[in-house]
Structure formats: C-alpha cells, structure tokens
Amino acid sequence: MAMVFKQLDIVSSFNFKSVLFKECFFSSTVFVFCVEGSYIPIDMSSVPPFWLAYLGDPSDSGRIHSTVRQRWLNGDTDVIEAMKSFAELTDRAREALESRDWSKLAELMNQNFELRRKVYTDECLGPGNLKMVQIARTFSSAVKLPGSGGAVMGLCLDSDKLVAMKNAFQEAGCVFCHVVPYDPCSAFGQ
C-alpha cells in the first residue's frame, strides 16, 4: 500500500506568501519525512493574528517522533489513518486561507493538534507543550504544534484576549511573538 501525505506548514514557515505542502510518500516498508515540497501561492495581504510561543528549553524531536515510524512499519491503523487525515486537513486549511475563513482555519488548527495528540500521546508530547496548548485554549485561541515540540503556533481572533494571552505565556516563562507575514518578492519589487 502506498499513499501520499501532505503537511501544511503555513504556521511553521514565516513566508506567508506561499504555503508549503510537504508531500511524503509512504509504503508498507518505507516511512519518509520530506524536506522538499511544492509551493502554492496564496494572497496573504490580509491575514489573521497568528502568534508563536516557545519554551526556553524545547523538547527533543527524536522523542516526539520516537515510535511513529515503527508503528507505521508495523501497520498501525491509527498512524496510517492519521496520516490520511493530516492530508485532508491540509487541503481544507488551504481552502480556508484562500477564502479568508479564519474561524474555519482556527478549527482546523485545533483538529490538527488533537490528531497529533491522539497519535503521539501526551507522554510523548510532554508537559511543556501541553501547558502551552492549555494556556492558548484558556483564551479561546486556536493552537497547534508547528514542528516537533517546544513551540506552539496559534490564531486568536479576539484582540483583547490576544494581549492577555501574551501576558499569560510570558508569566509562564515562554517567549511570545506576533507573527508578521513577510513577502520576499516585495523586497525585489516583484
């Protein structure tokens, strides 16, 4: 059995002019993480308030991915179905970005985290990552892990809650940043 896994990296890339879709090919004997991908241009002239928070001492990505590869190789249906679901979430997130449906995008980001949580488990994600997710959700912000751990990325549609959430993250010892989209083409007059 072979399938293609697409992962939306809109929130782990600060180049919001394009959305990176990583296409990874899997078979029953091969599990590959890809670093290359294809870019689909998306107009990002008006984006919602994305934010990033991270721990001073981030987790080890080897721990985050420690059992998933072996579970894939063992034919674990939870992992296989999760990879299919990540691909579907990617397609739906692109549609939400293109239609500027920020509420839908926020919902999809939360679904992405819950799926990751189900596949990787709380033990693997670790208390630091889970604490950051808890802080974000206290303020009704969408939140997901943009990588292997140690950071969370979110979308808060309420500007008053965004300010309070930033303070809560900083009080918890996290670094909090507002994500400002950058269009590299604008630097060259394209």
C-alpha atoms as a PDB file:
ATOM      1  CA  MET A   1       0.000   0.000   0.000  1.00  0.00           C
ATOM      2  CA  ALA A   2       1.357   3.429  -0.893  1.00  0.00           C
ATOM      3  CA  MET A   3      -0.026   6.853  -0.091  1.00  0.00           C
ATOM      4  CA  VAL A   4       0.914  10.498  -0.195  1.00  0.00           C
ATOM      5  CA  PHE A   5       0.990  12.547   2.995  1.00  0.00           C
ATOM      6  CA  LYS A   6       0.685  16.311   2.720  1.00  0.00           C
ATOM      7  CA  GLN A   7       1.537  18.507   5.659  1.00  0.00           C
ATOM      8  CA  LEU A   8       0.587  22.147   5.725  1.00  0.00           C
ATOM      9  CA  ASP A   9       3.417  24.194   7.102  1.00  0.00           C
ATOM     10  CA  ILE A  10       1.722  27.581   6.971  1.00  0.00           C
ATOM     11  CA  VAL A  11       2.447  28.057  10.630  1.00  0.00           C
ATOM     12  CA  SER A  12       5.968  26.742  10.736  1.00  0.00           C
ATOM     13  CA  SER A  13       7.136  28.878   7.846  1.00  0.00           C
ATOM     14  CA  PHE A  14       7.211  32.639   8.166  1.00  0.00           C
ATOM     15  CA  ASN A  15       6.890  33.059   4.413  1.00  0.00           C
ATOM     16  CA  PHE A  16       3.154  33.556   4.223  1.00  0.00           C
ATOM     17  CA  LYS A  17       3.224  34.442   0.518  1.00  0.00           C
ATOM     18  CA  SER A  18       3.210  30.749  -0.241  1.00  0.00           C
ATOM     19  CA  VAL A  19       2.009  27.733   1.618  1.00  0.00           C
ATOM     20  CA  LEU A  20       4.372  24.784   1.689  1.00  0.00           C
ATOM     21  CA  PHE A  21       2.840  21.407   1.165  1.00  0.00           C
ATOM     22  CA  LYS A  22       5.276  18.689   2.038  1.00  0.00           C
ATOM     23  CA  GLU A  23       4.476  15.611   0.060  1.00  0.00           C
ATOM     24  CA  CYS A  24       5.788  12.477   1.645  1.00  0.00           C
ATOM     25  CA  PHE A  25       5.406   9.089   0.099  1.00  0.00           C
ATOM     26  CA  PHE A  26       4.783   6.075   2.256  1.00  0.00           C
ATOM     27  CA  SER A  27       4.555   2.394   1.558  1.00  0.00           C
ATOM     28  CA  SER A  28       4.237  -0.549   3.870  1.00  0.00           C
ATOM     29  CA  THR A  29       8.033  -0.759   4.135  1.00  0.00           C
ATOM     30  CA  VAL A  30       9.156   2.865   3.879  1.00  0.00           C
ATOM     31  CA  PHE A  31       8.346   5.857   6.085  1.00  0.00           C
ATOM     32  CA  VAL A  32       9.913   9.061   4.812  1.00  0.00           C
ATOM     33  CA  PHE A  33       9.971  12.578   6.220  1.00  0.00           C
ATOM     34  CA  CYS A  34      10.422  15.082   3.403  1.00  0.00           C
ATOM     35  CA  VAL A  35      12.201  18.407   3.400  1.00  0.00           C
ATOM     36  CA  GLU A  36      11.280  19.454  -0.115  1.00  0.00           C
ATOM     37  CA  GLY A  37       7.817  20.377  -1.293  1.00  0.00           C
ATOM     38  CA  SER A  38       5.749  22.327  -3.724  1.00  0.00           C
ATOM     39  CA  TYR A  39       4.570  25.858  -3.142  1.00  0.00           C
ATOM     40  CA  ILE A  40       1.108  27.129  -3.933  1.00  0.00           C
ATOM     41  CA  PRO A  41       0.898  30.954  -3.979  1.00  0.00           C
ATOM     42  CA  ILE A  42      -1.772  32.404  -1.719  1.00  0.00           C
ATOM     43  CA  ASP A  43      -2.624  36.083  -1.355  1.00  0.00           C
ATOM     44  CA  MET A  44      -1.661  36.949   2.198  1.00  0.00           C
ATOM     45  CA  SER A  45      -2.344  40.698   2.037  1.00  0.00           C
ATOM     46  CA  SER A  46      -4.789  40.376   4.917  1.00  0.00           C
ATOM     47  CA  VAL A  47      -4.036  37.696   7.475  1.00  0.00           C
ATOM     48  CA  PRO A  48      -5.441  36.971  10.904  1.00  0.00           C
ATOM     49  CA  PRO A  49      -3.413  37.439  14.102  1.00  0.00           C
ATOM     50  CA  PHE A  50      -1.091  34.438  14.065  1.00  0.00           C
ATOM     51  CA  TRP A  51       1.234  34.101  17.028  1.00  0.00           C
ATOM     52  CA  LEU A  52       4.095  31.865  18.148  1.00  0.00           C
ATOM     53  CA  ALA A  53       5.152  30.901  21.676  1.00  0.00           C
ATOM     54  CA  TYR A  54       8.068  28.717  22.634  1.00  0.00           C
ATOM     55  CA  LEU A  55       9.774  27.194  25.626  1.00  0.00           C
ATOM     56  CA  GLY A  56      13.227  28.262  26.729  1.00  0.00           C
ATOM     57  CA  ASP A  57      14.205  24.572  26.835  1.00  0.00           C
ATOM     58  CA  PRO A  58      12.407  22.874  23.917  1.00  0.00           C
ATOM     59  CA  SER A  59      11.776  19.147  23.708  1.00  0.00           C
ATOM     60  CA  ASP A  60      13.737  16.689  21.637  1.00  0.00           C
ATOM     61  CA  SER A  61      12.134  15.946  18.264  1.00  0.00           C
ATOM     62  CA  GLY A  62      13.569  12.438  18.407  1.00  0.00           C
ATOM     63  CA  ARG A  63      11.343  11.824  21.384  1.00  0.00           C
ATOM     64  CA  ILE A  64       8.323  13.301  19.617  1.00  0.00           C
ATOM     65  CA  HIS A  65       8.779  11.039  16.581  1.00  0.00           C
ATOM     66  CA  SER A  66      10.228   8.105  18.501  1.00  0.00           C
ATOM     67  CA  THR A  67       7.553   5.460  17.967  1.00  0.00           C
ATOM     68  CA  VAL A  68       5.575   6.688  14.969  1.00  0.00           C
ATOM     69  CA  ARG A  69       7.918   5.272  12.352  1.00  0.00           C
ATOM     70  CA  GLN A  70       7.900   1.841  13.947  1.00  0.00           C
ATOM     71  CA  ARG A  71       4.153   1.944  14.404  1.00  0.00           C
ATOM     72  CA  TRP A  72       3.831   2.756  10.686  1.00  0.00           C
ATOM     73  CA  LEU A  73       6.085  -0.134   9.763  1.00  0.00           C
ATOM     74  CA  ASN A  74       4.001  -2.410  11.978  1.00  0.00           C
ATOM     75  CA  GLY A  75       0.873  -1.387  10.040  1.00  0.00           C
ATOM     76  CA  ASP A  76      -0.704   0.502  12.954  1.00  0.00           C
ATOM     77  CA  THR A  77      -4.056   1.620  11.537  1.00  0.00           C
ATOM     78  CA  ASP A  78      -4.201   4.618  13.897  1.00  0.00           C
ATOM     79  CA  VAL A  79      -0.983   6.022  12.394  1.00  0.00           C
ATOM     80  CA  ILE A  80      -1.996   5.233   8.812  1.00  0.00           C
ATOM     81  CA  GLU A  81      -5.413   6.840   9.238  1.00  0.00           C
ATOM     82  CA  ALA A  82      -3.867   9.845  10.999  1.00  0.00           C
ATOM     83  CA  MET A  83      -1.550  10.484   8.049  1.00  0.00           C
ATOM     84  CA  LYS A  84      -4.528  10.415   5.700  1.00  0.00           C
ATOM     85  CA  SER A  85      -6.373  12.817   7.995  1.00  0.00           C
ATOM     86  CA  PHE A  86      -3.390  15.212   8.103  1.00  0.00           C
ATOM     87  CA  ALA A  87      -3.514  15.334   4.282  1.00  0.00           C
ATOM     88  CA  GLU A  88      -7.229  16.150   4.360  1.00  0.00           C
ATOM     89  CA  LEU A  89      -6.692  18.853   6.980  1.00  0.00           C
ATOM     90  CA  THR A  90      -4.010  20.391   4.759  1.00  0.00           C
ATOM     91  CA  ASP A  91      -6.370  20.666   1.799  1.00  0.00           C
ATOM     92  CA  ARG A  92      -9.126  22.157   3.949  1.00  0.00           C
ATOM     93  CA  ALA A  93      -6.718  24.648   5.566  1.00  0.00           C
ATOM     94  CA  ARG A  94      -5.601  25.899   2.148  1.00  0.00           C
ATOM     95  CA  GLU A  95      -9.255  26.430   1.208  1.00  0.00           C
ATOM     96  CA  ALA A  96      -9.866  28.340   4.452  1.00  0.00           C
ATOM     97  CA  LEU A  97      -6.829  30.553   3.771  1.00  0.00           C
ATOM     98  CA  GLU A  98      -7.926  31.255   0.221  1.00  0.00           C
ATOM     99  CA  SER A  99     -11.467  32.141   1.291  1.00  0.00           C
ATOM    100  CA  ARG A 100     -10.228  34.053   4.354  1.00  0.00           C
ATOM    101  CA  ASP A 101     -12.385  31.919   6.616  1.00  0.00           C
ATOM    102  CA  TRP A 102     -10.356  32.460   9.793  1.00  0.00           C
ATOM    103  CA  SER A 103     -12.846  30.675  12.036  1.00  0.00           C
ATOM    104  CA  LYS A 104     -12.586  27.570   9.864  1.00  0.00           C
ATOM    105  CA  LEU A 105      -8.790  27.831   9.809  1.00  0.00           C
ATOM    106  CA  ALA A 106      -8.774  28.060  13.616  1.00  0.00           C
ATOM    107  CA  GLU A 107     -10.981  24.969  13.839  1.00  0.00           C
ATOM    108  CA  LEU A 108      -8.645  23.054  11.517  1.00  0.00           C
ATOM    109  CA  MET A 109      -5.577  24.056  13.530  1.00  0.00           C
ATOM    110  CA  ASN A 110      -7.237  22.672  16.664  1.00  0.00           C
ATOM    111  CA  GLN A 111      -8.156  19.465  14.830  1.00  0.00           C
ATOM    112  CA  ASN A 112      -4.520  19.134  13.728  1.00  0.00           C
ATOM    113  CA  PHE A 113      -3.339  19.320  17.335  1.00  0.00           C
ATOM    114  CA  GLU A 114      -5.927  16.842  18.615  1.00  0.00           C
ATOM    115  CA  LEU A 115      -4.992  14.359  15.896  1.00  0.00           C
ATOM    116  CA  ARG A 116      -1.302  14.730  16.737  1.00  0.00           C
ATOM    117  CA  ARG A 117      -2.124  14.291  20.411  1.00  0.00           C
ATOM    118  CA  LYS A 118      -4.033  11.096  19.678  1.00  0.00           C
ATOM    119  CA  VAL A 119      -1.228   9.581  17.595  1.00  0.00           C
ATOM    120  CA  TYR A 120       1.769  10.740  19.635  1.00  0.00           C
ATOM    121  CA  THR A 121       0.159  10.680  23.137  1.00  0.00           C
ATOM    122  CA  ASP A 122       0.500  13.173  25.977  1.00  0.00           C
ATOM    123  CA  GLU A 123       3.555  11.369  27.335  1.00  0.00           C
ATOM    124  CA  CYS A 124       5.397  11.884  24.070  1.00  0.00           C
ATOM    125  CA  LEU A 125       4.259  15.493  23.605  1.00  0.00           C
ATOM    126  CA  GLY A 126       5.440  16.338  27.088  1.00  0.00           C
ATOM    127  CA  PRO A 127       4.194  18.625  29.828  1.00  0.00           C
ATOM    128  CA  GLY A 128       5.756  21.806  28.396  1.00  0.00           C
ATOM    129  CA  ASN A 129       3.979  21.522  25.056  1.00  0.00           C
ATOM    130  CA  LEU A 130       0.697  20.563  26.727  1.00  0.00           C
ATOM    131  CA  LYS A 131       0.965  23.519  29.128  1.00  0.00           C
ATOM    132  CA  MET A 132       1.385  25.934  26.208  1.00  0.00           C
ATOM    133  CA  VAL A 133      -1.673  24.442  24.493  1.00  0.00           C
ATOM    134  CA  GLN A 134      -3.633  24.794  27.740  1.00  0.00           C
ATOM    135  CA  ILE A 135      -2.655  28.457  28.057  1.00  0.00           C
ATOM    136  CA  ALA A 136      -3.776  29.186  24.486  1.00  0.00           C
ATOM    137  CA  ARG A 137      -7.084  27.388  24.924  1.00  0.00           C
ATOM    138  CA  THR A 138      -7.764  29.298  28.143  1.00  0.00           C
ATOM    139  CA  PHE A 139      -8.034  32.347  25.887  1.00  0.00           C
ATOM    140  CA  SER A 140     -10.094  30.590  23.168  1.00  0.00           C
ATOM    141  CA  SER A 141      -7.173  30.651  20.759  1.00  0.00           C
ATOM    142  CA  ALA A 142      -6.613  28.007  18.121  1.00  0.00           C
ATOM    143  CA  VAL A 143      -3.302  26.260  18.694  1.00  0.00           C
ATOM    144  CA  LYS A 144      -1.093  23.562  17.160  1.00  0.00           C
ATOM    145  CA  LEU A 145       2.480  22.379  17.249  1.00  0.00           C
ATOM    146  CA  PRO A 146       4.336  23.814  14.238  1.00  0.00           C
ATOM    147  CA  GLY A 147       7.118  21.260  14.463  1.00  0.00           C
ATOM    148  CA  SER A 148       8.418  18.540  16.697  1.00  0.00           C
ATOM    149  CA  GLY A 149       7.921  20.251  20.008  1.00  0.00           C
ATOM    150  CA  GLY A 150       8.987  23.161  22.136  1.00  0.00           C
ATOM    151  CA  ALA A 151       6.773  25.678  20.341  1.00  0.00           C
ATOM    152  CA  VAL A 152       3.124  26.300  19.603  1.00  0.00           C
ATOM    153  CA  MET A 153       1.568  28.427  16.910  1.00  0.00           C
ATOM    154  CA  GLY A 154      -1.883  29.848  17.105  1.00  0.00           C
ATOM    155  CA  LEU A 155      -4.616  32.043  15.796  1.00  0.00           C
ATOM    156  CA  CYS A 156      -6.504  34.295  18.202  1.00  0.00           C
ATOM    157  CA  LEU A 157      -9.436  36.143  16.684  1.00  0.00           C
ATOM    158  CA  ASP A 158     -10.112  38.319  19.766  1.00  0.00           C
ATOM    159  CA  SER A 159      -7.576  41.161  20.113  1.00  0.00           C
ATOM    160  CA  ASP A 160      -8.290  41.688  23.837  1.00  0.00           C
ATOM    161  CA  LYS A 161      -7.734  38.003  24.569  1.00  0.00           C
ATOM    162  CA  LEU A 162      -4.565  38.062  22.452  1.00  0.00           C
ATOM    163  CA  VAL A 163      -2.996  40.691  24.750  1.00  0.00           C
ATOM    164  CA  ALA A 164      -3.994  38.778  27.897  1.00  0.00           C
ATOM    165  CA  MET A 165      -2.745  35.510  26.384  1.00  0.00           C
ATOM    166  CA  LYS A 166       0.639  37.059  25.563  1.00  0.00           C
ATOM    167  CA  ASN A 167       0.973  38.096  29.232  1.00  0.00           C
ATOM    168  CA  ALA A 168      -0.002  34.598  30.406  1.00  0.00           C
ATOM    169  CA  PHE A 169       2.627  32.981  28.182  1.00  0.00           C
ATOM    170  CA  GLN A 170       5.304  35.371  29.410  1.00  0.00           C
ATOM    171  CA  GLU A 171       4.303  34.782  33.044  1.00  0.00           C
ATOM    172  CA  ALA A 172       4.721  31.036  32.373  1.00  0.00           C
ATOM    173  CA  GLY A 173       8.304  31.647  31.182  1.00  0.00           C
ATOM    174  CA  CYS A 174       7.601  31.340  27.471  1.00  0.00           C
ATOM    175  CA  VAL A 175       8.684  33.662  24.689  1.00  0.00           C
ATOM    176  CA  PHE A 176       5.695  35.076  22.778  1.00  0.00           C
ATOM    177  CA  CYS A 177       5.885  36.592  19.291  1.00  0.00           C
ATOM    178  CA  HIS A 178       3.345  38.066  16.942  1.00  0.00           C
ATOM    179  CA  VAL A 179       3.861  36.537  13.518  1.00  0.00           C
ATOM    180  CA  VAL A 180       4.278  39.186  10.845  1.00  0.00           C
ATOM    181  CA  PRO A 181       3.987  37.800   7.309  1.00  0.00           C
ATOM    182  CA  TYR A 182       6.855  38.599   5.001  1.00  0.00           C
ATOM    183  CA  ASP A 183       6.626  38.600   1.233  1.00  0.00           C
ATOM    184  CA  PRO A 184      10.179  38.077  -0.049  1.00  0.00           C
ATOM    185  CA  CYS A 185       9.074  39.077  -3.556  1.00  0.00           C
ATOM    186  CA  SER A 186       8.225  42.590  -2.321  1.00  0.00           C
ATOM    187  CA  ALA A 187      11.876  43.156  -1.405  1.00  0.00           C
ATOM    188  CA  PHE A 188      12.776  42.723  -5.080  1.00  0.00           C
ATOM    189  CA  GLY A 189       9.866  44.744  -6.492  1.00  0.00           C
ATOM    190  CA  GLN A 190       8.154  41.674  -7.943  1.00  0.00           C
END
